[in-house]
Amino acid sequence: MKFFKIFTIGLLFFSVSFTQAQVSSKLKGVLEKLGSAADTTKKSTTSTTKPSTTSATITTTEANSAIKQALGNGLQESIKLLAVKDGYLGDAVVKIMMPQEAQKVEKALRSVGMGSLCDQFITSMNRAAETAVSEAGTVFVNSLSKMTIKDAYAILLSGQQNAATTYFKTTTNTELTSRFTPIIQSAMGKNNVADYWGQLTSAYNRLPFSNKVETNLTAYVTQRAIDGLFVKVADQELKIRQNIGGTRSTDVLSKVFGWVDKQ
């Protein structure tokens, strides 16, 4: 009962809320940069008419231009999808749920009518992720600027539908973690969520025969936010590779990815 009391008192006093205006304002700058990075050579390759047919060969310039355009467009769209209210919470694929170690605690609470408290806790984690994800724009711009011709060809010809996503995981995960962590920590700290989580885990760990729960909540939400972002990036990459919805919208995209299709 002590465990339930601590959990109830703690969670009743917190809620995390971020307005659409705040998210939109922060996103504007980074998405403009990301779009600019993706369109470095777009002026010379974009056509308002039907994209040209593919050719037997492509140049290194075309390969580099195409992969950066494709990735810039896909990354921008992924951030837009997630950096809004319910971007994470409303998407079952990326929604952040209770840490695995705490799911048995959640089950027990729901069984005694405390489901709304669990929902409030889950909502607060997702709201923090929705706020932090806008930081990904700057990180991706930086990664795109460092991409080499060798990287571009490796992504194009790997045979893997998520090769670009894998590349970005490798080159950005550390920086994303560094940027996301203080934002998520601040978002949850405003209402003492971390403190309540510490009380919750301490109380639960004192229960007889309990498996110890030691989840670092900030680290958990940060990693889940990044994981969810890359799920969306992979979705966008697949659309471009399969030309779903006419995503090969410029001559160079049509030419280069058409060439890849034939390899």
Protein backbone atom coordinates (compact mmCIF):
# COMPACT_ATOMS: atom_id res chain seq x y z
CA MET A 1 0.00 0.00 0.00
CA LYS A 2 2.92 2.32 0.66
CA PHE A 3 4.00 1.80 -2.93
CA PHE A 4 0.56 2.67 -4.30
CA LYS A 5 0.30 5.73 -2.07
CA ILE A 6 3.62 7.16 -3.17
CA PHE A 7 2.87 6.51 -6.82
CA THR A 8 -0.61 8.06 -6.56
CA ILE A 9 0.49 11.19 -4.73
CA GLY A 10 3.38 11.73 -7.10
CA LEU A 11 1.60 11.28 -10.38
CA LEU A 12 -1.50 13.24 -9.39
CA PHE A 13 0.59 16.42 -9.32
CA PHE A 14 2.30 16.28 -12.69
CA SER A 15 1.38 16.83 -16.31
CA VAL A 16 3.48 17.87 -19.26
CA SER A 17 2.02 20.22 -21.86
CA PHE A 18 3.63 21.86 -24.86
CA THR A 19 1.67 24.04 -27.25
CA GLN A 20 1.57 23.63 -31.01
CA ALA A 21 2.88 27.19 -31.33
CA GLN A 22 6.05 26.37 -29.41
CA VAL A 23 6.77 23.33 -31.53
CA SER A 24 6.06 25.13 -34.82
CA SER A 25 8.28 28.06 -33.89
CA LYS A 26 11.24 25.86 -33.04
CA LEU A 27 10.80 23.65 -36.07
CA LYS A 28 10.73 26.50 -38.57
CA GLY A 29 14.44 27.24 -38.47
CA VAL A 30 15.80 23.70 -38.50
CA LEU A 31 13.45 22.51 -41.21
CA GLU A 32 14.46 25.44 -43.42
CA LYS A 33 18.11 24.44 -42.94
CA LEU A 34 17.33 20.80 -43.65
CA GLY A 35 15.40 21.71 -46.77
CA SER A 36 18.28 23.94 -47.90
CA ALA A 37 20.81 21.15 -47.39
CA ALA A 38 18.69 18.74 -49.36
CA ASP A 39 18.27 21.25 -52.21
CA THR A 40 21.92 22.26 -52.66
CA THR A 41 21.86 21.23 -56.30
CA LYS A 42 18.12 21.09 -56.77
CA LYS A 43 17.87 24.27 -58.87
CA SER A 44 19.74 22.63 -61.69
CA THR A 45 17.94 19.29 -61.45
CA THR A 46 14.31 20.05 -60.56
CA SER A 47 11.79 19.96 -63.39
CA THR A 48 8.20 21.14 -63.35
CA THR A 49 7.45 18.62 -66.07
CA LYS A 50 7.51 14.86 -65.97
CA PRO A 51 10.93 13.57 -64.78
CA SER A 52 13.21 12.33 -67.54
CA THR A 53 13.76 8.66 -68.21
CA THR A 54 16.68 6.85 -66.64
CA SER A 55 19.99 6.42 -68.45
CA ALA A 56 22.54 3.64 -68.51
CA THR A 57 25.00 5.50 -66.30
CA ILE A 58 25.06 8.24 -63.68
CA THR A 59 27.80 10.64 -62.65
CA THR A 60 29.23 10.98 -59.16
CA THR A 61 27.70 14.45 -58.97
CA GLU A 62 24.26 13.06 -59.80
CA ALA A 63 24.62 10.27 -57.25
CA ASN A 64 25.66 12.68 -54.52
CA SER A 65 22.92 15.16 -55.41
CA ALA A 66 20.20 12.51 -55.55
CA ILE A 67 21.01 10.85 -52.25
CA LYS A 68 21.18 14.20 -50.43
CA GLN A 69 17.93 15.38 -51.95
CA ALA A 70 16.18 12.14 -51.11
CA LEU A 71 17.49 12.01 -47.56
CA GLY A 72 16.86 15.69 -46.90
CA ASN A 73 13.25 15.36 -48.03
CA GLY A 74 12.71 12.17 -46.04
CA LEU A 75 14.30 13.49 -42.87
CA GLN A 76 12.34 16.73 -43.04
CA GLU A 77 9.07 14.84 -43.40
CA SER A 78 9.92 12.50 -40.51
CA ILE A 79 10.57 15.39 -38.14
CA LYS A 80 7.36 17.14 -39.17
CA LEU A 81 5.34 14.01 -38.45
CA LEU A 82 6.70 13.59 -34.93
CA ALA A 83 7.32 17.11 -33.63
CA VAL A 84 3.64 17.89 -33.12
CA LYS A 85 1.10 17.08 -30.43
CA ASP A 86 0.38 13.33 -30.56
CA GLY A 87 3.20 12.80 -33.05
CA TYR A 88 4.45 10.02 -30.78
CA LEU A 89 1.46 9.50 -28.52
CA GLY A 90 -1.00 9.09 -31.38
CA ASP A 91 1.13 6.65 -33.40
CA ALA A 92 1.01 3.08 -32.09
CA VAL A 93 4.26 2.20 -33.88
CA VAL A 94 6.40 4.80 -32.07
CA LYS A 95 4.35 5.52 -28.93
CA ILE A 96 6.52 5.36 -25.82
CA MET A 97 5.09 2.93 -23.30
CA MET A 98 6.14 2.04 -19.75
CA PRO A 99 9.66 0.65 -19.48
CA GLN A 100 9.61 -3.13 -19.69
CA GLU A 101 10.74 -3.48 -16.09
CA ALA A 102 7.76 -1.42 -14.93
CA GLN A 103 5.04 -3.06 -16.99
CA LYS A 104 4.20 -5.46 -14.16
CA VAL A 105 3.80 -2.42 -11.92
CA GLU A 106 1.48 -0.84 -14.51
CA LYS A 107 -0.58 -4.02 -14.71
CA ALA A 108 -1.04 -4.06 -10.96
CA LEU A 109 -2.10 -0.41 -10.86
CA ARG A 110 -4.60 -0.79 -13.68
CA SER A 111 -6.10 -3.80 -11.93
CA VAL A 112 -6.99 -1.63 -8.92
CA GLY A 113 -8.49 1.24 -10.92
CA MET A 114 -5.41 3.41 -11.33
CA GLY A 115 -5.27 3.22 -15.13
CA SER A 116 -5.73 6.97 -15.58
CA LEU A 117 -2.56 7.64 -13.60
CA CYS A 118 -0.63 5.24 -15.81
CA ASP A 119 -2.03 6.98 -18.89
CA GLN A 120 -0.99 10.37 -17.56
CA PHE A 121 2.53 9.11 -16.93
CA ILE A 122 2.77 7.65 -20.45
CA THR A 123 1.43 10.87 -21.96
CA SER A 124 4.10 12.92 -20.20
CA MET A 125 6.88 10.78 -21.66
CA ASN A 126 5.53 11.13 -25.19
CA ARG A 127 5.04 14.88 -24.85
CA ALA A 128 8.70 15.19 -23.89
CA ALA A 129 9.73 13.21 -26.97
CA GLU A 130 7.55 15.36 -29.24
CA THR A 131 9.32 18.45 -27.93
CA ALA A 132 12.84 17.04 -28.25
CA VAL A 133 12.57 15.64 -31.78
CA SER A 134 12.74 19.07 -33.42
CA GLU A 135 16.42 19.12 -32.42
CA ALA A 136 17.08 16.36 -34.97
CA GLY A 137 16.95 18.84 -37.86
CA THR A 138 20.26 20.51 -37.00
CA VAL A 139 21.94 17.15 -36.39
CA PHE A 140 20.82 15.78 -39.75
CA VAL A 141 21.96 18.92 -41.60
CA ASN A 142 25.40 18.45 -40.08
CA SER A 143 25.50 14.78 -41.06
CA LEU A 144 24.40 15.49 -44.64
CA SER A 145 27.14 18.09 -45.04
CA LYS A 146 29.77 15.48 -44.14
CA MET A 147 28.48 12.77 -46.48
CA THR A 148 31.05 11.74 -49.09
CA ILE A 149 30.66 10.38 -52.62
CA LYS A 150 31.71 7.00 -51.25
CA ASP A 151 28.97 7.17 -48.63
CA ALA A 152 26.38 8.07 -51.29
CA TYR A 153 27.29 5.14 -53.52
CA ALA A 154 27.37 2.76 -50.55
CA ILE A 155 23.84 3.85 -49.62
CA LEU A 156 22.57 3.60 -53.19
CA LEU A 157 24.05 0.19 -53.98
CA SER A 158 23.90 -1.64 -50.67
CA GLY A 159 20.79 -3.57 -51.68
CA GLN A 160 19.25 -2.71 -48.32
CA GLN A 161 15.99 -0.76 -48.23
CA ASN A 162 17.08 1.03 -45.05
CA ALA A 163 20.74 1.70 -45.92
CA ALA A 164 20.36 5.46 -45.53
CA THR A 165 18.61 5.07 -42.20
CA THR A 166 21.42 2.82 -41.00
CA TYR A 167 23.96 5.42 -42.13
CA PHE A 168 22.24 8.13 -40.12
CA LYS A 169 21.94 5.91 -37.06
CA THR A 170 25.69 5.39 -37.20
CA THR A 171 26.60 9.03 -37.75
CA THR A 172 24.04 10.84 -35.60
CA ASN A 173 22.99 8.65 -32.65
CA THR A 174 25.57 10.06 -30.23
CA GLU A 175 24.80 13.68 -31.11
CA LEU A 176 21.04 13.08 -31.06
CA THR A 177 21.33 11.57 -27.59
CA SER A 178 23.37 14.56 -26.43
CA ARG A 179 20.83 17.06 -27.79
CA PHE A 180 17.69 15.18 -26.76
CA THR A 181 18.71 14.34 -23.19
CA PRO A 182 18.63 17.83 -21.60
CA ILE A 183 15.38 18.72 -23.39
CA ILE A 184 13.62 15.59 -22.20
CA GLN A 185 15.12 15.97 -18.75
CA SER A 186 13.86 19.55 -18.59
CA ALA A 187 10.41 18.61 -19.90
CA MET A 188 9.97 15.96 -17.25
CA GLY A 189 11.78 17.89 -14.57
CA LYS A 190 9.35 20.80 -14.74
CA ASN A 191 6.82 18.65 -12.91
CA ASN A 192 9.25 16.51 -10.89
CA VAL A 193 8.55 13.41 -12.93
CA ALA A 194 12.07 12.08 -12.39
CA ASP A 195 11.70 12.56 -8.62
CA TYR A 196 8.42 10.69 -8.58
CA TRP A 197 9.93 7.96 -10.71
CA GLY A 198 12.74 7.60 -8.17
CA GLN A 199 10.20 7.29 -5.35
CA LEU A 200 8.21 4.79 -7.38
CA THR A 201 11.16 2.53 -8.16
CA SER A 202 12.52 2.78 -4.60
CA ALA A 203 9.17 1.80 -3.12
CA TYR A 204 8.70 -1.04 -5.59
CA ASN A 205 12.23 -2.36 -5.04
CA ARG A 206 11.53 -2.64 -1.31
CA LEU A 207 8.58 -4.96 -1.88
CA PRO A 208 9.22 -8.61 -0.97
CA PHE A 209 10.28 -10.83 -3.88
CA SER A 210 10.28 -7.93 -6.37
CA ASN A 211 12.68 -7.82 -9.28
CA LYS A 212 14.71 -4.67 -8.93
CA VAL A 213 13.68 -1.77 -11.18
CA GLU A 214 16.57 0.56 -11.97
CA THR A 215 15.44 2.28 -15.16
CA ASN A 216 17.01 5.65 -15.85
CA LEU A 217 13.83 7.32 -17.04
CA THR A 218 15.50 10.17 -18.94
CA ALA A 219 17.78 7.79 -20.80
CA TYR A 220 14.85 5.49 -21.55
CA VAL A 221 12.63 8.22 -23.02
CA THR A 222 15.55 9.71 -24.94
CA GLN A 223 16.41 6.41 -26.62
CA ARG A 224 12.79 5.61 -27.38
CA ALA A 225 12.35 9.05 -28.94
CA ILE A 226 15.39 8.45 -31.17
CA ASP A 227 14.22 4.94 -32.05
CA GLY A 228 10.83 6.30 -33.07
CA LEU A 229 12.44 8.96 -35.24
CA PHE A 230 14.42 6.37 -37.15
CA VAL A 231 11.30 4.26 -37.67
CA LYS A 232 9.85 7.23 -39.56
CA VAL A 233 13.10 7.88 -41.42
CA ALA A 234 13.10 4.26 -42.61
CA ASP A 235 9.48 4.66 -43.77
CA GLN A 236 10.41 7.71 -45.83
CA GLU A 237 13.46 6.00 -47.30
CA LEU A 238 11.33 3.07 -48.43
CA LYS A 239 8.88 5.43 -50.14
CA ILE A 240 11.70 7.03 -52.11
CA ARG A 241 13.29 3.73 -53.09
CA GLN A 242 9.95 2.36 -54.29
CA ASN A 243 8.74 5.72 -55.66
CA ILE A 244 5.61 5.57 -53.55
CA GLY A 245 3.44 8.61 -54.05
CA GLY A 246 5.73 10.08 -56.68
CA THR A 247 8.55 10.76 -54.21
CA ARG A 248 11.11 10.79 -57.03
CA SER A 249 9.98 14.31 -57.79
CA THR A 250 12.98 15.67 -59.71
CA ASP A 251 14.91 14.61 -62.79
CA VAL A 252 17.98 13.64 -60.81
CA LEU A 253 15.98 11.54 -58.32
CA SER A 254 14.20 9.76 -61.15
CA LYS A 255 17.42 9.17 -63.05
CA VAL A 256 19.59 7.99 -60.16
CA PHE A 257 17.06 5.79 -58.38
CA GLY A 258 15.89 4.44 -61.72
CA TRP A 259 19.50 3.49 -62.39
CA VAL A 260 19.69 1.82 -58.97
CA ASP A 261 16.54 -0.19 -59.78
CA LYS A 262 18.38 -1.75 -62.71
CA GLN A 263 21.51 -2.73 -60.80
